[in-house]
């Protein structure tokens, strides 16, 4: 065999291998090059009223045939207002950061993600102060009779994450009335099936991504003034699950696919994103209770 033929064969093999790798990378994934929508996709609302009680940046999808939401995020840095101490738990603050997903389907609301929590050390002693991000799951009651519930991942070191950690997080309807919740990163993984009667394949619903400064005992009330800051939370991408041609695919949650909420108003937020970031649901989120 001539050297030229050998070179051509080698080039062909290299190109074939690269093509296979690209095909695996994009398996079951629909990638938009810009801000395209699916042919039958419903567009999101232009405005959603804020619910009082906390400082939060939320992006909300349209009410459509979505099956879930996910993304990759680097967890934020926190600076707490040292004057806002919880009188019932003096080692804790009245402000608390959370990063979570969720949705509303069949009249049932869910919040599923990470919140800054107490931990249990290797000796089984629970800390007085909050020390790590830990998975949590919350759902409201449903007309089927299913009760409202709030629960955390077990207080074990394999389920603790910290500022600066990079994680993949997602919730997905895997069958009627069941949501799979996964958090994975830094060589740790939490995965569970969360029963939610309102969530079914083939029904319309909305999904959300939230960064918040929650305030203890303040739900439904006006936000309390604070100097707490939650900064440099970097979402590298955000996506929505959907069935396309009978396959579960993901589509980027770009700026044409969500309603932008900055509550109670925009002065408390600094959002940084390039044009390319906006195409894939990427951005850096800063929240400052004193404003920017």
Foldseek 3Di string as FASTA:
>chain_A
DDPVVVVVVVVVVVVVVVVVVVCVVCPQADEDPAADDDPPDDFADQDDADFAFWWKKKWKFHFFQFFKKKFKKQFWDKDFFLVQADPVQRQEGQWWKWWFKWWAFQRKTKTWGWIQAWAADPVRDTDSYGDFIWIKIWMPAHPVGRHTDIDTDPRDPLGGHDHRWMWIWMWGCPAAQWIWTWIDTPNHIDIDIDGGNRDHRPGTIMMMIMIITGGPPRGRHHYDQTFMKIWFIKTQFMWIWHQDPNGTYIYTCAPRGTHIDGPPDDQQWDKADDSVCRRGVIITIMGGSVGD
